[in-house]
Amino acid sequence: MTSRHIHFNQGISMRTLATTAVAAGLFFGGMGVAAADSPHKLVLKTPGAAFVGTQQWERPNKIPSGLHVKGLLRDDADNDGHNVYLRVKVAGYPWGEVRGVQKKDIKIDRVFSDGAVLKTNEVRLQVCLDRGAFRPDSCSPERLFARR
């Protein structure tokens, strides 16, 4: 054989093949992660109140890394004189509230997270109708969101 003939294994080194394989794996693996972190529909309802929107876990390397909730908190019973609210519990903390307004829909775009850790793993949500001091509030079933 003369030096003018190039064989396949002489033109491409093993290092180049390995680098290409790793790059392809990272690219296609990243596509799977992007699909897994896409928004999911979220509907919470109770008589007189509703939340309709989406939820998704933020990437673990994003600060804050928690449950991103985006949508409308709606007062479905405009003439009842009662307020609505979204009830939220991040693991390790007491319940909190995002208050709505009577007779209106409000936009919610928040990340619920534990500021003491890099990655929040558990959040619970409910939508509620505040029925005053003498009657218990009406709330949707509690929804648990746990990061895998």
Foldseek 3Di string as FASTA:
>chain_A
DDPVDDDPPRVDDPVNVVVVVVVVVVVVVVVVVVVQFDWDWDWADWVQKIWTFTWGFDDLQDVQTAIWTWTKIDGPPQPPPWWKWKWKDFPPDDIDIDTDDRNDIDIDTDGDADPVDSHGFKMKIKIWICPDDPDDIIITPIDMGGDD
